[in-house]
Amino acid sequence: MRAIASVVVCLVLSTTLFAQQLAQKPQQQQHSRVIKQAPTTCPNDPVLATDGRTSNYDQIYANPQYYLINVKAGHAYAVEIWDDSDATAGIAPTILVLQGDCQTPIAVSDTTAMEPDLHGGFAKRVSWVQNSDATLNVELGNPDPNNSYVYNIRVTDLTLHSPRWSTVAGFSTHYGLLNNTSVAISGVLTLTSVTTQQTYLTTINVPAHSEVFVAIPSDKFNVPVGQYGFADFQFAGSPGAITADGYFQTVSNGIFSIAPTTFGPVNYQH
């Protein structure tokens, strides 16, 4: 009986210790994050990928900090910074996108309040359409002289891409662009013809919480029959602001045919 009692006591103690260890694990994981700091000099900054991946737990003090990004012509980008760990202080960071000289800022739009809305805390978003290939520097500033902040940062390529449009064999192509935000968005829809290496483009204005449809060929796109290619839509906004889709249609021998084509974020695979 004593042996059985000893075994029971050991099992109870082991179970209790195991439960305590499980209860402690989340706390250990919570405090195991690595907090780092970006350089306070420009250039020679760490490179950020422009595919929307997040760099977590960087810390900023009073001095500006810098990152480097490589951007491409005909693409649109958004830089976002937000603090999801400190109490809201009503102080927003500053973001400047500088040319390679680390001094000359490029023109950007403040889209902090565009859905998903970041305003009210230590957070900010800027976006722009890039006209040429370039290496740029992102400068972050902290206007609070008394406190540092731990933040996340990401750079997202906002460009939407469709791998196919066609006017071959009687087909026409139809795109829909849905604005998911409460702010009107203006962008450029560019068609690239693989057949002739020619580009066709037009400005598309999408009202807030509304949708615009585009047909190819149409009065907006006077594309000859017998061509095919790919399309891009560039706009200054926020990630997820525009949802797009598309389809082909044709009528042959009295039979109406329709087939879908994709139109989504250029880096959706990430």
C-alpha atoms as a PDB file:
ATOM      1  CA  MET A   1       0.000   0.000   0.000  1.00  0.00           C
ATOM      2  CA  ARG A   2       2.854   2.353   0.839  1.00  0.00           C
ATOM      3  CA  ALA A   3       4.360   1.714  -2.614  1.00  0.00           C
ATOM      4  CA  ILE A   4       1.047   2.505  -4.307  1.00  0.00           C
ATOM      5  CA  ALA A   5       0.651   5.660  -2.227  1.00  0.00           C
ATOM      6  CA  SER A   6       4.165   6.791  -3.181  1.00  0.00           C
ATOM      7  CA  VAL A   7       3.424   6.277  -6.858  1.00  0.00           C
ATOM      8  CA  VAL A   8       0.197   8.277  -6.545  1.00  0.00           C
ATOM      9  CA  VAL A   9       2.014  11.123  -4.787  1.00  0.00           C
ATOM     10  CA  CYS A  10       4.722  11.192  -7.492  1.00  0.00           C
ATOM     11  CA  LEU A  11       2.122  11.274 -10.245  1.00  0.00           C
ATOM     12  CA  VAL A  12       0.267  14.147  -8.557  1.00  0.00           C
ATOM     13  CA  LEU A  13       3.472  16.133  -8.084  1.00  0.00           C
ATOM     14  CA  SER A  14       4.582  15.501 -11.676  1.00  0.00           C
ATOM     15  CA  THR A  15       1.199  16.567 -13.056  1.00  0.00           C
ATOM     16  CA  THR A  16       1.238  19.728 -10.944  1.00  0.00           C
ATOM     17  CA  LEU A  17       4.754  20.679 -12.043  1.00  0.00           C
ATOM     18  CA  PHE A  18       3.892  20.018 -15.699  1.00  0.00           C
ATOM     19  CA  ALA A  19       0.784  22.224 -15.435  1.00  0.00           C
ATOM     20  CA  GLN A  20       2.835  25.003 -13.879  1.00  0.00           C
ATOM     21  CA  GLN A  21       5.373  24.795 -16.692  1.00  0.00           C
ATOM     22  CA  LEU A  22       2.611  25.029 -19.308  1.00  0.00           C
ATOM     23  CA  ALA A  23       1.138  28.059 -17.541  1.00  0.00           C
ATOM     24  CA  GLN A  24       4.520  29.761 -17.532  1.00  0.00           C
ATOM     25  CA  LYS A  25       5.307  29.176 -21.221  1.00  0.00           C
ATOM     26  CA  PRO A  26       3.156  31.993 -22.658  1.00  0.00           C
ATOM     27  CA  GLN A  27       4.813  34.458 -20.265  1.00  0.00           C
ATOM     28  CA  GLN A  28       8.250  33.260 -21.307  1.00  0.00           C
ATOM     29  CA  GLN A  29       7.358  33.631 -24.983  1.00  0.00           C
ATOM     30  CA  GLN A  30       5.856  37.059 -24.378  1.00  0.00           C
ATOM     31  CA  HIS A  31       9.120  38.396 -22.960  1.00  0.00           C
ATOM     32  CA  SER A  32      11.430  36.675 -25.446  1.00  0.00           C
ATOM     33  CA  ARG A  33      10.950  39.142 -28.317  1.00  0.00           C
ATOM     34  CA  VAL A  34      14.061  40.835 -29.624  1.00  0.00           C
ATOM     35  CA  ILE A  35      13.901  44.635 -29.678  1.00  0.00           C
ATOM     36  CA  LYS A  36      16.286  46.255 -32.131  1.00  0.00           C
ATOM     37  CA  GLN A  37      17.061  49.736 -33.402  1.00  0.00           C
ATOM     38  CA  ALA A  38      17.518  50.925 -36.987  1.00  0.00           C
ATOM     39  CA  PRO A  39      20.578  53.065 -37.839  1.00  0.00           C
ATOM     40  CA  THR A  40      20.458  56.787 -37.109  1.00  0.00           C
ATOM     41  CA  THR A  41      22.676  57.598 -40.102  1.00  0.00           C
ATOM     42  CA  CYS A  42      21.929  57.601 -43.822  1.00  0.00           C
ATOM     43  CA  PRO A  43      22.789  55.891 -46.136  1.00  0.00           C
ATOM     44  CA  ASN A  44      23.947  52.290 -45.413  1.00  0.00           C
ATOM     45  CA  ASP A  45      20.534  51.458 -43.973  1.00  0.00           C
ATOM     46  CA  PRO A  46      18.958  47.993 -43.596  1.00  0.00           C
ATOM     47  CA  VAL A  47      16.938  46.962 -46.660  1.00  0.00           C
ATOM     48  CA  LEU A  48      13.194  46.428 -46.293  1.00  0.00           C
ATOM     49  CA  ALA A  49      11.394  44.109 -48.715  1.00  0.00           C
ATOM     50  CA  THR A  50       8.475  45.804 -50.488  1.00  0.00           C
ATOM     51  CA  ASP A  51       6.190  42.757 -50.422  1.00  0.00           C
ATOM     52  CA  GLY A  52       4.268  43.629 -47.262  1.00  0.00           C
ATOM     53  CA  ARG A  53       6.211  41.550 -44.753  1.00  0.00           C
ATOM     54  CA  THR A  54       6.453  43.144 -41.301  1.00  0.00           C
ATOM     55  CA  SER A  55       9.635  44.016 -39.407  1.00  0.00           C
ATOM     56  CA  ASN A  56       8.696  43.677 -35.737  1.00  0.00           C
ATOM     57  CA  TYR A  57       9.808  45.364 -32.537  1.00  0.00           C
ATOM     58  CA  ASP A  58      12.093  48.117 -33.724  1.00  0.00           C
ATOM     59  CA  GLN A  59      12.611  50.906 -31.192  1.00  0.00           C
ATOM     60  CA  ILE A  60      12.910  54.622 -31.892  1.00  0.00           C
ATOM     61  CA  TYR A  61      14.272  57.342 -29.616  1.00  0.00           C
ATOM     62  CA  ALA A  62      14.690  61.060 -30.300  1.00  0.00           C
ATOM     63  CA  ASN A  63      17.013  60.703 -33.303  1.00  0.00           C
ATOM     64  CA  PRO A  64      15.627  59.853 -36.766  1.00  0.00           C
ATOM     65  CA  GLN A  65      16.123  56.283 -38.004  1.00  0.00           C
ATOM     66  CA  TYR A  66      16.571  55.066 -41.565  1.00  0.00           C
ATOM     67  CA  TYR A  67      15.722  52.163 -43.845  1.00  0.00           C
ATOM     68  CA  LEU A  68      16.468  51.522 -47.505  1.00  0.00           C
ATOM     69  CA  ILE A  69      13.958  50.356 -50.128  1.00  0.00           C
ATOM     70  CA  ASN A  70      14.341  49.429 -53.800  1.00  0.00           C
ATOM     71  CA  VAL A  71      11.357  50.554 -55.867  1.00  0.00           C
ATOM     72  CA  LYS A  72      10.333  50.063 -59.494  1.00  0.00           C
ATOM     73  CA  ALA A  73       8.776  52.284 -62.138  1.00  0.00           C
ATOM     74  CA  GLY A  74       5.045  51.869 -62.612  1.00  0.00           C
ATOM     75  CA  HIS A  75       4.471  50.500 -59.117  1.00  0.00           C
ATOM     76  CA  ALA A  76       2.752  52.064 -56.105  1.00  0.00           C
ATOM     77  CA  TYR A  77       3.944  51.724 -52.516  1.00  0.00           C
ATOM     78  CA  ALA A  78       2.837  52.294 -48.938  1.00  0.00           C
ATOM     79  CA  VAL A  79       5.095  52.632 -45.881  1.00  0.00           C
ATOM     80  CA  GLU A  80       3.394  51.928 -42.553  1.00  0.00           C
ATOM     81  CA  ILE A  81       4.602  52.195 -38.968  1.00  0.00           C
ATOM     82  CA  TRP A  82       2.532  51.375 -35.888  1.00  0.00           C
ATOM     83  CA  ASP A  83       3.090  50.715 -32.187  1.00  0.00           C
ATOM     84  CA  ASP A  84       0.886  47.908 -30.865  1.00  0.00           C
ATOM     85  CA  SER A  85       2.558  47.490 -27.480  1.00  0.00           C
ATOM     86  CA  ASP A  86       2.689  50.916 -25.782  1.00  0.00           C
ATOM     87  CA  ALA A  87      -0.181  52.956 -24.403  1.00  0.00           C
ATOM     88  CA  THR A  88      -1.680  55.422 -26.876  1.00  0.00           C
ATOM     89  CA  ALA A  89      -0.076  58.818 -26.306  1.00  0.00           C
ATOM     90  CA  GLY A  90      -1.701  60.781 -29.126  1.00  0.00           C
ATOM     91  CA  ILE A  91       1.720  61.360 -30.686  1.00  0.00           C
ATOM     92  CA  ALA A  92       2.274  60.250 -34.277  1.00  0.00           C
ATOM     93  CA  PRO A  93       5.649  59.517 -35.870  1.00  0.00           C
ATOM     94  CA  THR A  94       6.876  61.227 -39.016  1.00  0.00           C
ATOM     95  CA  ILE A  95       7.770  59.463 -42.267  1.00  0.00           C
ATOM     96  CA  LEU A  96       9.867  60.987 -45.015  1.00  0.00           C
ATOM     97  CA  VAL A  97      10.783  59.117 -48.201  1.00  0.00           C
ATOM     98  CA  LEU A  98      14.120  60.487 -49.379  1.00  0.00           C
ATOM     99  CA  GLN A  99      16.022  60.187 -52.623  1.00  0.00           C
ATOM    100  CA  GLY A 100      19.445  58.558 -52.698  1.00  0.00           C
ATOM    101  CA  ASP A 101      21.106  61.731 -51.422  1.00  0.00           C
ATOM    102  CA  CYS A 102      19.382  61.202 -48.040  1.00  0.00           C
ATOM    103  CA  GLN A 103      18.143  64.804 -48.158  1.00  0.00           C
ATOM    104  CA  THR A 104      15.591  65.370 -50.920  1.00  0.00           C
ATOM    105  CA  PRO A 105      12.086  64.097 -50.089  1.00  0.00           C
ATOM    106  CA  ILE A 106       9.762  62.751 -52.761  1.00  0.00           C
ATOM    107  CA  ALA A 107       6.056  63.633 -52.843  1.00  0.00           C
ATOM    108  CA  VAL A 108       3.884  61.203 -50.877  1.00  0.00           C
ATOM    109  CA  SER A 109       0.268  61.144 -49.696  1.00  0.00           C
ATOM    110  CA  ASP A 110      -0.666  60.756 -46.033  1.00  0.00           C
ATOM    111  CA  THR A 111      -3.122  57.835 -46.007  1.00  0.00           C
ATOM    112  CA  THR A 112      -3.036  57.141 -42.258  1.00  0.00           C
ATOM    113  CA  ALA A 113      -6.801  57.589 -41.852  1.00  0.00           C
ATOM    114  CA  MET A 114      -7.691  55.459 -44.876  1.00  0.00           C
ATOM    115  CA  GLU A 115      -9.026  52.012 -44.002  1.00  0.00           C
ATOM    116  CA  PRO A 116      -7.472  50.168 -42.264  1.00  0.00           C
ATOM    117  CA  ASP A 117      -7.398  53.348 -40.165  1.00  0.00           C
ATOM    118  CA  LEU A 118      -4.211  53.856 -38.107  1.00  0.00           C
ATOM    119  CA  HIS A 119      -4.769  57.366 -36.715  1.00  0.00           C
ATOM    120  CA  GLY A 120      -4.924  58.110 -32.989  1.00  0.00           C
ATOM    121  CA  GLY A 121      -1.774  56.330 -31.833  1.00  0.00           C
ATOM    122  CA  PHE A 122       1.924  56.195 -32.566  1.00  0.00           C
ATOM    123  CA  ALA A 123       1.256  55.191 -36.163  1.00  0.00           C
ATOM    124  CA  LYS A 124       1.432  56.587 -39.689  1.00  0.00           C
ATOM    125  CA  ARG A 125       1.083  55.565 -43.333  1.00  0.00           C
ATOM    126  CA  VAL A 126       2.263  57.291 -46.507  1.00  0.00           C
ATOM    127  CA  SER A 127       1.877  56.100 -50.105  1.00  0.00           C
ATOM    128  CA  TRP A 128       2.867  57.132 -53.611  1.00  0.00           C
ATOM    129  CA  VAL A 129       3.143  56.002 -57.249  1.00  0.00           C
ATOM    130  CA  GLN A 130       6.741  55.485 -58.372  1.00  0.00           C
ATOM    131  CA  ASN A 131       7.727  56.816 -61.808  1.00  0.00           C
ATOM    132  CA  SER A 132      11.230  55.346 -62.119  1.00  0.00           C
ATOM    133  CA  ASP A 133      13.442  52.604 -60.737  1.00  0.00           C
ATOM    134  CA  ALA A 134      15.225  53.935 -57.661  1.00  0.00           C
ATOM    135  CA  THR A 135      16.830  53.206 -54.328  1.00  0.00           C
ATOM    136  CA  LEU A 136      15.153  55.363 -51.681  1.00  0.00           C
ATOM    137  CA  ASN A 137      15.650  55.979 -47.976  1.00  0.00           C
ATOM    138  CA  VAL A 138      12.821  55.980 -45.438  1.00  0.00           C
ATOM    139  CA  GLU A 139      13.348  58.363 -42.520  1.00  0.00           C
ATOM    140  CA  LEU A 140      11.307  57.813 -39.360  1.00  0.00           C
ATOM    141  CA  GLY A 141      11.046  60.544 -36.741  1.00  0.00           C
ATOM    142  CA  ASN A 142       9.809  60.553 -33.146  1.00  0.00           C
ATOM    143  CA  PRO A 143       8.437  63.974 -32.082  1.00  0.00           C
ATOM    144  CA  ASP A 144       8.237  62.876 -28.442  1.00  0.00           C
ATOM    145  CA  PRO A 145      11.454  64.061 -26.705  1.00  0.00           C
ATOM    146  CA  ASN A 146      10.691  62.185 -23.488  1.00  0.00           C
ATOM    147  CA  ASN A 147       9.734  58.676 -24.608  1.00  0.00           C
ATOM    148  CA  SER A 148      10.881  55.959 -26.968  1.00  0.00           C
ATOM    149  CA  TYR A 149       8.450  53.699 -28.836  1.00  0.00           C
ATOM    150  CA  VAL A 150       8.579  50.086 -29.991  1.00  0.00           C
ATOM    151  CA  TYR A 151       7.041  49.797 -33.434  1.00  0.00           C
ATOM    152  CA  ASN A 152       6.385  47.578 -36.447  1.00  0.00           C
ATOM    153  CA  ILE A 153       7.178  48.714 -39.978  1.00  0.00           C
ATOM    154  CA  ARG A 154       6.289  47.351 -43.401  1.00  0.00           C
ATOM    155  CA  VAL A 155       6.483  48.447 -47.024  1.00  0.00           C
ATOM    156  CA  THR A 156       3.775  47.139 -49.362  1.00  0.00           C
ATOM    157  CA  ASP A 157       3.695  47.178 -53.150  1.00  0.00           C
ATOM    158  CA  LEU A 158       0.108  48.340 -53.749  1.00  0.00           C
ATOM    159  CA  THR A 159       0.174  47.513 -57.475  1.00  0.00           C
ATOM    160  CA  LEU A 160      -2.626  45.248 -58.695  1.00  0.00           C
ATOM    161  CA  HIS A 161      -1.704  42.886 -61.537  1.00  0.00           C
ATOM    162  CA  SER A 162      -3.706  40.889 -64.055  1.00  0.00           C
ATOM    163  CA  PRO A 163      -1.682  38.379 -66.081  1.00  0.00           C
ATOM    164  CA  ARG A 164      -4.127  38.342 -68.991  1.00  0.00           C
ATOM    165  CA  TRP A 165      -6.359  40.480 -71.165  1.00  0.00           C
ATOM    166  CA  SER A 166      -7.369  39.591 -74.716  1.00  0.00           C
ATOM    167  CA  THR A 167      -9.187  40.807 -77.827  1.00  0.00           C
ATOM    168  CA  VAL A 168      -8.264  37.643 -79.762  1.00  0.00           C
ATOM    169  CA  ALA A 169     -10.897  35.516 -81.530  1.00  0.00           C
ATOM    170  CA  GLY A 170     -13.774  37.838 -80.724  1.00  0.00           C
ATOM    171  CA  PHE A 171     -13.031  38.021 -76.994  1.00  0.00           C
ATOM    172  CA  SER A 172     -13.415  41.166 -74.916  1.00  0.00           C
ATOM    173  CA  THR A 173     -12.011  41.648 -71.406  1.00  0.00           C
ATOM    174  CA  HIS A 174     -13.891  43.183 -68.490  1.00  0.00           C
ATOM    175  CA  TYR A 175     -12.398  44.427 -65.203  1.00  0.00           C
ATOM    176  CA  GLY A 176     -14.133  45.512 -62.001  1.00  0.00           C
ATOM    177  CA  LEU A 177     -12.413  47.753 -59.406  1.00  0.00           C
ATOM    178  CA  LEU A 178     -14.089  47.965 -55.980  1.00  0.00           C
ATOM    179  CA  ASN A 179     -13.110  50.690 -53.500  1.00  0.00           C
ATOM    180  CA  ASN A 180     -13.244  49.237 -49.969  1.00  0.00           C
ATOM    181  CA  THR A 181     -12.605  52.568 -48.245  1.00  0.00           C
ATOM    182  CA  SER A 182     -14.514  55.743 -47.384  1.00  0.00           C
ATOM    183  CA  VAL A 183     -12.129  57.831 -49.520  1.00  0.00           C
ATOM    184  CA  ALA A 184     -12.284  58.243 -53.315  1.00  0.00           C
ATOM    185  CA  ILE A 185      -9.253  56.651 -55.015  1.00  0.00           C
ATOM    186  CA  SER A 186      -7.725  57.640 -58.343  1.00  0.00           C
ATOM    187  CA  GLY A 187      -5.292  55.368 -60.149  1.00  0.00           C
ATOM    188  CA  VAL A 188      -3.854  54.477 -63.530  1.00  0.00           C
ATOM    189  CA  LEU A 189      -4.835  51.310 -65.369  1.00  0.00           C
ATOM    190  CA  THR A 190      -2.106  50.268 -67.808  1.00  0.00           C
ATOM    191  CA  LEU A 191      -2.487  47.603 -70.482  1.00  0.00           C
ATOM    192  CA  THR A 192       0.685  46.144 -71.963  1.00  0.00           C
ATOM    193  CA  SER A 193       0.276  44.372 -75.297  1.00  0.00           C
ATOM    194  CA  VAL A 194       2.507  41.339 -75.685  1.00  0.00           C
ATOM    195  CA  THR A 195       1.475  41.239 -79.343  1.00  0.00           C
ATOM    196  CA  THR A 196       2.789  44.707 -80.297  1.00  0.00           C
ATOM    197  CA  GLN A 197       4.810  45.768 -77.182  1.00  0.00           C
ATOM    198  CA  GLN A 198       2.546  48.831 -77.001  1.00  0.00           C
ATOM    199  CA  THR A 199       1.019  50.231 -73.814  1.00  0.00           C
ATOM    200  CA  TYR A 200      -2.435  51.707 -73.322  1.00  0.00           C
ATOM    201  CA  LEU A 201      -3.333  53.613 -70.169  1.00  0.00           C
ATOM    202  CA  THR A 202      -6.135  55.631 -68.657  1.00  0.00           C
ATOM    203  CA  THR A 203      -6.974  57.222 -65.300  1.00  0.00           C
ATOM    204  CA  ILE A 204      -9.654  55.432 -63.304  1.00  0.00           C
ATOM    205  CA  ASN A 205     -11.530  57.248 -60.513  1.00  0.00           C
ATOM    206  CA  VAL A 206     -13.219  54.913 -58.045  1.00  0.00           C
ATOM    207  CA  PRO A 207     -15.676  56.624 -55.651  1.00  0.00           C
ATOM    208  CA  ALA A 208     -15.722  55.712 -51.958  1.00  0.00           C
ATOM    209  CA  HIS A 209     -17.454  52.384 -51.243  1.00  0.00           C
ATOM    210  CA  SER A 210     -18.280  52.017 -54.928  1.00  0.00           C
ATOM    211  CA  GLU A 211     -17.153  50.151 -58.034  1.00  0.00           C
ATOM    212  CA  VAL A 212     -16.029  50.979 -61.569  1.00  0.00           C
ATOM    213  CA  PHE A 213     -16.145  48.631 -64.572  1.00  0.00           C
ATOM    214  CA  VAL A 214     -13.801  48.785 -67.540  1.00  0.00           C
ATOM    215  CA  ALA A 215     -14.228  46.982 -70.886  1.00  0.00           C
ATOM    216  CA  ILE A 216     -11.477  46.203 -73.419  1.00  0.00           C
ATOM    217  CA  PRO A 217     -11.901  47.329 -76.139  1.00  0.00           C
ATOM    218  CA  SER A 218     -13.996  50.408 -75.276  1.00  0.00           C
ATOM    219  CA  ASP A 219     -13.921  54.186 -75.538  1.00  0.00           C
ATOM    220  CA  LYS A 220     -11.322  54.209 -72.719  1.00  0.00           C
ATOM    221  CA  PHE A 221      -9.139  51.604 -74.399  1.00  0.00           C
ATOM    222  CA  ASN A 222      -9.147  51.709 -78.193  1.00  0.00           C
ATOM    223  CA  VAL A 223      -7.305  48.401 -78.448  1.00  0.00           C
ATOM    224  CA  PRO A 224      -7.418  46.683 -81.861  1.00  0.00           C
ATOM    225  CA  VAL A 225      -8.744  43.147 -82.134  1.00  0.00           C
ATOM    226  CA  GLY A 226      -6.289  40.289 -82.190  1.00  0.00           C
ATOM    227  CA  GLN A 227      -4.148  41.479 -79.275  1.00  0.00           C
ATOM    228  CA  TYR A 228      -3.439  40.133 -75.790  1.00  0.00           C
ATOM    229  CA  GLY A 229      -1.269  41.062 -72.829  1.00  0.00           C
ATOM    230  CA  PHE A 230      -1.290  41.904 -69.109  1.00  0.00           C
ATOM    231  CA  ALA A 231      -2.599  44.787 -66.987  1.00  0.00           C
ATOM    232  CA  ASP A 232      -1.548  46.780 -63.916  1.00  0.00           C
ATOM    233  CA  PHE A 233      -3.425  49.238 -61.694  1.00  0.00           C
ATOM    234  CA  GLN A 234      -1.331  51.710 -59.658  1.00  0.00           C
ATOM    235  CA  PHE A 235      -2.844  53.904 -56.944  1.00  0.00           C
ATOM    236  CA  ALA A 236      -1.783  55.738 -53.796  1.00  0.00           C
ATOM    237  CA  GLY A 237      -3.748  54.330 -50.894  1.00  0.00           C
ATOM    238  CA  SER A 238      -3.596  51.534 -48.364  1.00  0.00           C
ATOM    239  CA  PRO A 239      -3.104  47.759 -48.644  1.00  0.00           C
ATOM    240  CA  GLY A 240      -6.450  46.161 -49.504  1.00  0.00           C
ATOM    241  CA  ALA A 241      -8.074  49.458 -50.487  1.00  0.00           C
ATOM    242  CA  ILE A 242      -9.013  48.157 -53.957  1.00  0.00           C
ATOM    243  CA  THR A 243     -10.384  44.704 -54.795  1.00  0.00           C
ATOM    244  CA  ALA A 244     -10.249  43.845 -58.484  1.00  0.00           C
ATOM    245  CA  ASP A 245     -11.403  40.964 -60.672  1.00  0.00           C
ATOM    246  CA  GLY A 246     -11.964  40.278 -64.357  1.00  0.00           C
ATOM    247  CA  TYR A 247     -13.379  37.982 -67.010  1.00  0.00           C
ATOM    248  CA  PHE A 248     -13.321  37.322 -70.755  1.00  0.00           C
ATOM    249  CA  GLN A 249     -16.469  37.000 -72.834  1.00  0.00           C
ATOM    250  CA  THR A 250     -17.330  36.140 -76.434  1.00  0.00           C
ATOM    251  CA  VAL A 251     -20.237  34.986 -78.557  1.00  0.00           C
ATOM    252  CA  SER A 252     -19.599  32.287 -81.179  1.00  0.00           C
ATOM    253  CA  ASN A 253     -22.312  30.606 -83.267  1.00  0.00           C
ATOM    254  CA  GLY A 254     -24.927  32.043 -80.943  1.00  0.00           C
ATOM    255  CA  ILE A 255     -23.243  30.607 -77.842  1.00  0.00           C
ATOM    256  CA  PHE A 256     -22.218  33.055 -75.112  1.00  0.00           C
ATOM    257  CA  SER A 257     -19.000  32.107 -73.301  1.00  0.00           C
ATOM    258  CA  ILE A 258     -17.404  33.657 -70.227  1.00  0.00           C
ATOM    259  CA  ALA A 259     -14.184  32.815 -68.395  1.00  0.00           C
ATOM    260  CA  PRO A 260     -12.579  34.457 -65.316  1.00  0.00           C
ATOM    261  CA  THR A 261      -9.136  36.036 -65.119  1.00  0.00           C
ATOM    262  CA  THR A 262      -7.292  37.049 -61.968  1.00  0.00           C
ATOM    263  CA  PHE A 263      -6.538  40.638 -60.922  1.00  0.00           C
ATOM    264  CA  GLY A 264      -4.883  40.976 -57.543  1.00  0.00           C
ATOM    265  CA  PRO A 265      -1.918  42.296 -55.511  1.00  0.00           C
ATOM    266  CA  VAL A 266       1.329  41.846 -57.394  1.00  0.00           C
ATOM    267  CA  ASN A 267       2.873  40.077 -54.379  1.00  0.00           C
ATOM    268  CA  TYR A 268      -0.196  38.108 -53.283  1.00  0.00           C
ATOM    269  CA  GLN A 269       1.871  34.915 -53.048  1.00  0.00           C
ATOM    270  CA  HIS A 270       3.634  36.356 -49.991  1.00  0.00           C
END
